[in-house]
Amino acid sequence: MDYPSLTNCSGRYIVKALVRLGGFEIKKGSKHFWKVCHIETNKCFTLPNRKPLKKGLVWSLVRDFLQPAGYSEGEIFKELWC
């Protein structure tokens, strides 16, 4: 599979991609963060609201939060391509 570079992702872009993926509750935390919770598993992830996010943070979101929640790489990278 061809992976995106994930080097120019902003927090706002990732929040929009998660809304398109579906199954998430997104709350505005402090003025610099979002709290993203998966509805079925009740796992949460704190996402900074800045641009660009570090590549390792975005990969940990994919690897440690989205894939265990049941999303395949194809579904994730269809929406999250930055």
PDB file of N, CA and C in Angstrom:
ATOM      1  N   MET A   1       0.847  -1.185   0.000  1.00  0.00           N
ATOM      2  CA  MET A   1       0.000   0.000   0.000  1.00  0.00           C
ATOM      3  C   MET A   1       0.884   1.238   0.000  1.00  0.00           C
ATOM      4  N   ASP A   2       0.459   2.240  -0.720  1.00  0.00           N
ATOM      5  CA  ASP A   2       1.170   3.505  -0.801  1.00  0.00           C
ATOM      6  C   ASP A   2       0.745   4.381   0.377  1.00  0.00           C
ATOM      7  N   TYR A   3       1.687   4.748   1.233  1.00  0.00           N
ATOM      8  CA  TYR A   3       1.384   5.528   2.426  1.00  0.00           C
ATOM      9  C   TYR A   3       1.607   7.011   2.169  1.00  0.00           C
ATOM     10  N   PRO A   4       0.788   7.869   2.761  1.00  0.00           N
ATOM     11  CA  PRO A   4       1.032   9.309   2.658  1.00  0.00           C
ATOM     12  C   PRO A   4       2.234   9.685   3.511  1.00  0.00           C
ATOM     13  N   SER A   5       2.791  10.845   3.255  1.00  0.00           N
ATOM     14  CA  SER A   5       3.982  11.266   4.005  1.00  0.00           C
ATOM     15  C   SER A   5       3.638  11.704   5.426  1.00  0.00           C
ATOM     16  N   LEU A   6       2.435  12.203   5.658  1.00  0.00           N
ATOM     17  CA  LEU A   6       1.952  12.645   6.979  1.00  0.00           C
ATOM     18  C   LEU A   6       2.869  13.685   7.606  1.00  0.00           C
ATOM     19  N   THR A   7       3.476  14.526   6.791  1.00  0.00           N
ATOM     20  CA  THR A   7       4.378  15.537   7.332  1.00  0.00           C
ATOM     21  C   THR A   7       3.750  16.924   7.386  1.00  0.00           C
ATOM     22  N   ASN A   8       2.631  17.129   6.741  1.00  0.00           N
ATOM     23  CA  ASN A   8       2.038  18.460   6.707  1.00  0.00           C
ATOM     24  C   ASN A   8       0.604  18.439   7.229  1.00  0.00           C
ATOM     25  N   CYS A   9       0.323  17.607   8.224  1.00  0.00           N
ATOM     26  CA  CYS A   9      -1.028  17.498   8.781  1.00  0.00           C
ATOM     27  C   CYS A   9      -1.225  18.539   9.882  1.00  0.00           C
ATOM     28  N   SER A  10      -2.369  19.157   9.876  1.00  0.00           N
ATOM     29  CA  SER A  10      -2.722  20.047  10.982  1.00  0.00           C
ATOM     30  C   SER A  10      -3.737  19.332  11.864  1.00  0.00           C
ATOM     31  N   GLY A  11      -3.890  19.804  13.075  1.00  0.00           N
ATOM     32  CA  GLY A  11      -4.872  19.230  13.982  1.00  0.00           C
ATOM     33  C   GLY A  11      -6.281  19.354  13.443  1.00  0.00           C
ATOM     34  N   ARG A  12      -6.581  20.474  12.828  1.00  0.00           N
ATOM     35  CA  ARG A  12      -7.912  20.712  12.259  1.00  0.00           C
ATOM     36  C   ARG A  12      -8.203  19.732  11.122  1.00  0.00           C
ATOM     37  N   TYR A  13      -7.202  19.457  10.278  1.00  0.00           N
ATOM     38  CA  TYR A  13      -7.382  18.515   9.172  1.00  0.00           C
ATOM     39  C   TYR A  13      -7.663  17.111   9.702  1.00  0.00           C
ATOM     40  N   ILE A  14      -6.941  16.697  10.734  1.00  0.00           N
ATOM     41  CA  ILE A  14      -7.141  15.360  11.292  1.00  0.00           C
ATOM     42  C   ILE A  14      -8.516  15.246  11.936  1.00  0.00           C
ATOM     43  N   VAL A  15      -8.972  16.283  12.611  1.00  0.00           N
ATOM     44  CA  VAL A  15     -10.315  16.267  13.200  1.00  0.00           C
ATOM     45  C   VAL A  15     -11.367  16.111  12.107  1.00  0.00           C
ATOM     46  N   LYS A  16     -11.220  16.825  10.991  1.00  0.00           N
ATOM     47  CA  LYS A  16     -12.174  16.697   9.887  1.00  0.00           C
ATOM     48  C   LYS A  16     -12.136  15.294   9.290  1.00  0.00           C
ATOM     49  N   ALA A  17     -10.940  14.700   9.189  1.00  0.00           N
ATOM     50  CA  ALA A  17     -10.821  13.342   8.660  1.00  0.00           C
ATOM     51  C   ALA A  17     -11.489  12.336   9.594  1.00  0.00           C
ATOM     52  N   LEU A  18     -11.356  12.535  10.900  1.00  0.00           N
ATOM     53  CA  LEU A  18     -11.995  11.628  11.860  1.00  0.00           C
ATOM     54  C   LEU A  18     -13.515  11.749  11.826  1.00  0.00           C
ATOM     55  N   VAL A  19     -14.012  12.941  11.583  1.00  0.00           N
ATOM     56  CA  VAL A  19     -15.463  13.129  11.446  1.00  0.00           C
ATOM     57  C   VAL A  19     -15.953  12.374  10.213  1.00  0.00           C
ATOM     58  N   ARG A  20     -15.194  12.443   9.110  1.00  0.00           N
ATOM     59  CA  ARG A  20     -15.572  11.700   7.904  1.00  0.00           C
ATOM     60  C   ARG A  20     -15.502  10.194   8.135  1.00  0.00           C
ATOM     61  N   LEU A  21     -14.539   9.731   8.930  1.00  0.00           N
ATOM     62  CA  LEU A  21     -14.427   8.306   9.242  1.00  0.00           C
ATOM     63  C   LEU A  21     -15.622   7.836  10.059  1.00  0.00           C
ATOM     64  N   GLY A  22     -16.078   8.662  10.981  1.00  0.00           N
ATOM     65  CA  GLY A  22     -17.253   8.361  11.785  1.00  0.00           C
ATOM     66  C   GLY A  22     -16.933   7.564  13.033  1.00  0.00           C
ATOM     67  N   GLY A  23     -17.794   7.669  14.038  1.00  0.00           N
ATOM     68  CA  GLY A  23     -17.640   6.909  15.265  1.00  0.00           C
ATOM     69  C   GLY A  23     -16.829   7.605  16.336  1.00  0.00           C
ATOM     70  N   PHE A  24     -16.616   8.905  16.206  1.00  0.00           N
ATOM     71  CA  PHE A  24     -15.812   9.644  17.171  1.00  0.00           C
ATOM     72  C   PHE A  24     -16.603  10.791  17.762  1.00  0.00           C
ATOM     73  N   GLU A  25     -16.324  11.076  19.016  1.00  0.00           N
ATOM     74  CA  GLU A  25     -16.874  12.251  19.677  1.00  0.00           C
ATOM     75  C   GLU A  25     -15.705  13.211  19.865  1.00  0.00           C
ATOM     76  N   ILE A  26     -15.843  14.415  19.354  1.00  0.00           N
ATOM     77  CA  ILE A  26     -14.744  15.371  19.390  1.00  0.00           C
ATOM     78  C   ILE A  26     -15.165  16.547  20.250  1.00  0.00           C
ATOM     79  N   LYS A  27     -14.355  16.813  21.275  1.00  0.00           N
ATOM     80  CA  LYS A  27     -14.626  17.916  22.194  1.00  0.00           C
ATOM     81  C   LYS A  27     -13.469  18.900  22.116  1.00  0.00           C
ATOM     82  N   LYS A  28     -13.810  20.153  22.146  1.00  0.00           N
ATOM     83  CA  LYS A  28     -12.786  21.187  22.193  1.00  0.00           C
ATOM     84  C   LYS A  28     -12.289  21.261  23.623  1.00  0.00           C
ATOM     85  N   GLY A  29     -11.015  21.003  23.821  1.00  0.00           N
ATOM     86  CA  GLY A  29     -10.439  21.058  25.156  1.00  0.00           C
ATOM     87  C   GLY A  29     -10.080  22.489  25.491  1.00  0.00           C
ATOM     88  N   SER A  30      -8.860  22.694  25.929  1.00  0.00           N
ATOM     89  CA  SER A  30      -8.400  24.062  26.135  1.00  0.00           C
ATOM     90  C   SER A  30      -8.271  24.712  24.761  1.00  0.00           C
ATOM     91  N   LYS A  31      -7.781  25.907  24.709  1.00  0.00           N
ATOM     92  CA  LYS A  31      -7.782  26.571  23.415  1.00  0.00           C
ATOM     93  C   LYS A  31      -6.736  26.027  22.449  1.00  0.00           C
ATOM     94  N   HIS A  32      -5.902  25.103  22.891  1.00  0.00           N
ATOM     95  CA  HIS A  32      -4.871  24.557  22.015  1.00  0.00           C
ATOM     96  C   HIS A  32      -5.017  23.061  21.752  1.00  0.00           C
ATOM     97  N   PHE A  33      -6.069  22.424  22.234  1.00  0.00           N
ATOM     98  CA  PHE A  33      -6.196  20.976  22.095  1.00  0.00           C
ATOM     99  C   PHE A  33      -7.628  20.559  21.784  1.00  0.00           C
ATOM    100  N   TRP A  34      -7.760  19.381  21.147  1.00  0.00           N
ATOM    101  CA  TRP A  34      -9.020  18.692  20.989  1.00  0.00           C
ATOM    102  C   TRP A  34      -8.919  17.366  21.717  1.00  0.00           C
ATOM    103  N   LYS A  35     -10.026  16.907  22.257  1.00  0.00           N
ATOM    104  CA  LYS A  35     -10.084  15.584  22.865  1.00  0.00           C
ATOM    105  C   LYS A  35     -10.962  14.731  21.958  1.00  0.00           C
ATOM    106  N   VAL A  36     -10.365  13.689  21.395  1.00  0.00           N
ATOM    107  CA  VAL A  36     -11.044  12.806  20.456  1.00  0.00           C
ATOM    108  C   VAL A  36     -11.296  11.484  21.166  1.00  0.00           C
ATOM    109  N   CYS A  37     -12.567  11.071  21.263  1.00  0.00           N
ATOM    110  CA  CYS A  37     -12.921   9.809  21.919  1.00  0.00           C
ATOM    111  C   CYS A  37     -13.657   8.914  20.936  1.00  0.00           C
ATOM    112  N   HIS A  38     -13.265   7.654  20.904  1.00  0.00           N
ATOM    113  CA  HIS A  38     -13.973   6.668  20.078  1.00  0.00           C
ATOM    114  C   HIS A  38     -15.205   6.236  20.857  1.00  0.00           C
ATOM    115  N   ILE A  39     -16.346   6.263  20.225  1.00  0.00           N
ATOM    116  CA  ILE A  39     -17.611   6.037  20.916  1.00  0.00           C
ATOM    117  C   ILE A  39     -17.738   4.607  21.443  1.00  0.00           C
ATOM    118  N   GLU A  40     -17.340   3.612  20.660  1.00  0.00           N
ATOM    119  CA  GLU A  40     -17.524   2.222  21.070  1.00  0.00           C
ATOM    120  C   GLU A  40     -16.527   1.762  22.128  1.00  0.00           C
ATOM    121  N   THR A  41     -15.254   2.149  21.980  1.00  0.00           N
ATOM    122  CA  THR A  41     -14.227   1.652  22.904  1.00  0.00           C
ATOM    123  C   THR A  41     -13.968   2.595  24.072  1.00  0.00           C
ATOM    124  N   ASN A  42     -14.463   3.820  24.012  1.00  0.00           N
ATOM    125  CA  ASN A  42     -14.247   4.854  25.030  1.00  0.00           C
ATOM    126  C   ASN A  42     -12.782   5.204  25.226  1.00  0.00           C
ATOM    127  N   LYS A  43     -11.931   4.922  24.245  1.00  0.00           N
ATOM    128  CA  LYS A  43     -10.536   5.358  24.302  1.00  0.00           C
ATOM    129  C   LYS A  43     -10.463   6.777  23.778  1.00  0.00           C
ATOM    130  N   CYS A  44      -9.590   7.573  24.396  1.00  0.00           N
ATOM    131  CA  CYS A  44      -9.471   8.975  24.019  1.00  0.00           C
ATOM    132  C   CYS A  44      -8.045   9.300  23.596  1.00  0.00           C
ATOM    133  N   PHE A  45      -7.932  10.330  22.785  1.00  0.00           N
ATOM    134  CA  PHE A  45      -6.651  10.792  22.273  1.00  0.00           C
ATOM    135  C   PHE A  45      -6.678  12.313  22.313  1.00  0.00           C
ATOM    136  N   THR A  46      -5.645  12.929  22.831  1.00  0.00           N
ATOM    137  CA  THR A  46      -5.559  14.380  22.866  1.00  0.00           C
ATOM    138  C   THR A  46      -4.766  14.834  21.651  1.00  0.00           C
ATOM    139  N   LEU A  47      -5.355  15.719  20.876  1.00  0.00           N
ATOM    140  CA  LEU A  47      -4.772  16.157  19.616  1.00  0.00           C
ATOM    141  C   LEU A  47      -4.477  17.646  19.672  1.00  0.00           C
ATOM    142  N   PRO A  48      -3.222  18.045  19.484  1.00  0.00           N
ATOM    143  CA  PRO A  48      -2.898  19.471  19.506  1.00  0.00           C
ATOM    144  C   PRO A  48      -3.496  20.198  18.302  1.00  0.00           C
ATOM    145  N   ASN A  49      -3.827  21.440  18.499  1.00  0.00           N
ATOM    146  CA  ASN A  49      -4.371  22.273  17.434  1.00  0.00           C
ATOM    147  C   ASN A  49      -3.252  23.163  16.907  1.00  0.00           C
ATOM    148  N   ARG A  50      -2.372  22.569  16.122  1.00  0.00           N
ATOM    149  CA  ARG A  50      -1.298  23.357  15.523  1.00  0.00           C
ATOM    150  C   ARG A  50      -0.949  22.774  14.169  1.00  0.00           C
ATOM    151  N   LYS A  51      -0.186  23.515  13.425  1.00  0.00           N
ATOM    152  CA  LYS A  51       0.240  23.064  12.111  1.00  0.00           C
ATOM    153  C   LYS A  51       1.719  23.335  11.973  1.00  0.00           C
ATOM    154  N   PRO A  52       2.492  22.442  11.506  1.00  0.00           N
ATOM    155  CA  PRO A  52       2.200  21.035  11.255  1.00  0.00           C
ATOM    156  C   PRO A  52       2.397  20.201  12.517  1.00  0.00           C
ATOM    157  N   LEU A  53       1.703  19.092  12.573  1.00  0.00           N
ATOM    158  CA  LEU A  53       1.911  18.143  13.663  1.00  0.00           C
ATOM    159  C   LEU A  53       3.134  17.300  13.342  1.00  0.00           C
ATOM    160  N   LYS A  54       3.788  16.809  14.362  1.00  0.00           N
ATOM    161  CA  LYS A  54       4.953  15.966  14.128  1.00  0.00           C
ATOM    162  C   LYS A  54       4.504  14.634  13.543  1.00  0.00           C
ATOM    163  N   LYS A  55       5.316  14.124  12.642  1.00  0.00           N
ATOM    164  CA  LYS A  55       4.994  12.891  11.925  1.00  0.00           C
ATOM    165  C   LYS A  55       4.795  11.715  12.886  1.00  0.00           C
ATOM    166  N   GLY A  56       5.590  11.636  13.934  1.00  0.00           N
ATOM    167  CA  GLY A  56       5.470  10.549  14.899  1.00  0.00           C
ATOM    168  C   GLY A  56       4.150  10.579  15.646  1.00  0.00           C
ATOM    169  N   LEU A  57       3.641  11.774  15.935  1.00  0.00           N
ATOM    170  CA  LEU A  57       2.349  11.899  16.610  1.00  0.00           C
ATOM    171  C   LEU A  57       1.223  11.391  15.723  1.00  0.00           C
ATOM    172  N   VAL A  58       1.274  11.729  14.450  1.00  0.00           N
ATOM    173  CA  VAL A  58       0.227  11.288  13.527  1.00  0.00           C
ATOM    174  C   VAL A  58       0.287   9.766  13.348  1.00  0.00           C
ATOM    175  N   TRP A  59       1.498   9.205  13.232  1.00  0.00           N
ATOM    176  CA  TRP A  59       1.619   7.758  13.095  1.00  0.00           C
ATOM    177  C   TRP A  59       1.162   7.048  14.364  1.00  0.00           C
ATOM    178  N   SER A  60       1.427   7.613  15.532  1.00  0.00           N
ATOM    179  CA  SER A  60       0.951   6.972  16.765  1.00  0.00           C
ATOM    180  C   SER A  60      -0.573   7.033  16.847  1.00  0.00           C
ATOM    181  N   LEU A  61      -1.166   8.092  16.336  1.00  0.00           N
ATOM    182  CA  LEU A  61      -2.626   8.169  16.259  1.00  0.00           C
ATOM    183  C   LEU A  61      -3.166   7.028  15.404  1.00  0.00           C
ATOM    184  N   VAL A  62      -2.544   6.801  14.265  1.00  0.00           N
ATOM    185  CA  VAL A  62      -2.995   5.738  13.359  1.00  0.00           C
ATOM    186  C   VAL A  62      -2.747   4.365  13.972  1.00  0.00           C
ATOM    187  N   ARG A  63      -1.534   4.137  14.439  1.00  0.00           N
ATOM    188  CA  ARG A  63      -1.107   2.806  14.890  1.00  0.00           C
ATOM    189  C   ARG A  63      -1.701   2.424  16.247  1.00  0.00           C
ATOM    190  N   ASP A  64      -1.740   3.357  17.189  1.00  0.00           N
ATOM    191  CA  ASP A  64      -2.126   3.035  18.563  1.00  0.00           C
ATOM    192  C   ASP A  64      -3.579   3.372  18.902  1.00  0.00           C
ATOM    193  N   PHE A  65      -4.241   4.166  18.066  1.00  0.00           N
ATOM    194  CA  PHE A  65      -5.604   4.592  18.391  1.00  0.00           C
ATOM    195  C   PHE A  65      -6.622   4.127  17.350  1.00  0.00           C
ATOM    196  N   LEU A  66      -6.350   4.349  16.076  1.00  0.00           N
ATOM    197  CA  LEU A  66      -7.337   4.031  15.045  1.00  0.00           C
ATOM    198  C   LEU A  66      -7.369   2.551  14.676  1.00  0.00           C
ATOM    199  N   GLN A  67      -6.207   1.937  14.509  1.00  0.00           N
ATOM    200  CA  GLN A  67      -6.199   0.518  14.135  1.00  0.00           C
ATOM    201  C   GLN A  67      -6.763  -0.380  15.232  1.00  0.00           C
ATOM    202  N   PRO A  68      -6.429  -0.188  16.527  1.00  0.00           N
ATOM    203  CA  PRO A  68      -7.079  -1.008  17.556  1.00  0.00           C
ATOM    204  C   PRO A  68      -8.589  -0.766  17.672  1.00  0.00           C
ATOM    205  N   ALA A  69      -9.055   0.380  17.196  1.00  0.00           N
ATOM    206  CA  ALA A  69     -10.490   0.669  17.226  1.00  0.00           C
ATOM    207  C   ALA A  69     -11.237  -0.049  16.106  1.00  0.00           C
ATOM    208  N   GLY A  70     -10.501  -0.735  15.210  1.00  0.00           N
ATOM    209  CA  GLY A  70     -11.153  -1.529  14.186  1.00  0.00           C
ATOM    210  C   GLY A  70     -11.117  -0.957  12.785  1.00  0.00           C
ATOM    211  N   TYR A  71     -10.364   0.104  12.560  1.00  0.00           N
ATOM    212  CA  TYR A  71     -10.273   0.693  11.229  1.00  0.00           C
ATOM    213  C   TYR A  71      -9.064   0.104  10.508  1.00  0.00           C
ATOM    214  N   SER A  72      -9.239  -0.216   9.232  1.00  0.00           N
ATOM    215  CA  SER A  72      -8.130  -0.752   8.443  1.00  0.00           C
ATOM    216  C   SER A  72      -7.288   0.399   7.900  1.00  0.00           C
ATOM    217  N   GLU A  73      -6.082   0.078   7.449  1.00  0.00           N
ATOM    218  CA  GLU A  73      -5.216   1.114   6.884  1.00  0.00           C
ATOM    219  C   GLU A  73      -5.852   1.753   5.659  1.00  0.00           C
ATOM    220  N   GLY A  74      -6.544   0.965   4.865  1.00  0.00           N
ATOM    221  CA  GLY A  74      -7.210   1.505   3.680  1.00  0.00           C
ATOM    222  C   GLY A  74      -8.255   2.545   4.030  1.00  0.00           C
ATOM    223  N   GLU A  75      -9.060   2.260   5.046  1.00  0.00           N
ATOM    224  CA  GLU A  75     -10.085   3.219   5.489  1.00  0.00           C
ATOM    225  C   GLU A  75      -9.452   4.480   6.050  1.00  0.00           C
ATOM    226  N   ILE A  76      -8.399   4.298   6.831  1.00  0.00           N
ATOM    227  CA  ILE A  76      -7.758   5.452   7.475  1.00  0.00           C
ATOM    228  C   ILE A  76      -7.123   6.363   6.441  1.00  0.00           C
ATOM    229  N   PHE A  77      -6.318   5.783   5.540  1.00  0.00           N
ATOM    230  CA  PHE A  77      -5.570   6.615   4.589  1.00  0.00           C
ATOM    231  C   PHE A  77      -6.418   7.114   3.438  1.00  0.00           C
ATOM    232  N   LYS A  78      -7.630   6.589   3.302  1.00  0.00           N
ATOM    233  CA  LYS A  78      -8.560   7.157   2.328  1.00  0.00           C
ATOM    234  C   LYS A  78      -8.998   8.546   2.797  1.00  0.00           C
ATOM    235  N   GLU A  79      -9.185   8.714   4.087  1.00  0.00           N
ATOM    236  CA  GLU A  79      -9.613   9.996   4.645  1.00  0.00           C
ATOM    237  C   GLU A  79      -8.442  10.880   5.089  1.00  0.00           C
ATOM    238  N   LEU A  80      -7.375  10.250   5.536  1.00  0.00           N
ATOM    239  CA  LEU A  80      -6.244  10.979   6.125  1.00  0.00           C
ATOM    240  C   LEU A  80      -5.081  10.951   5.150  1.00  0.00           C
ATOM    241  N   TRP A  81      -5.030  11.918   4.280  1.00  0.00           N
ATOM    242  CA  TRP A  81      -3.967  11.958   3.278  1.00  0.00           C
ATOM    243  C   TRP A  81      -3.401  13.372   3.255  1.00  0.00           C
ATOM    244  N   CYS A  82      -2.306  13.551   3.979  1.00  0.00           N
ATOM    245  CA  CYS A  82      -1.700  14.885   4.022  1.00  0.00           C
ATOM    246  C   CYS A  82      -0.189  14.794   3.981  1.00  0.00           C
TER     247      CYS A  82
END
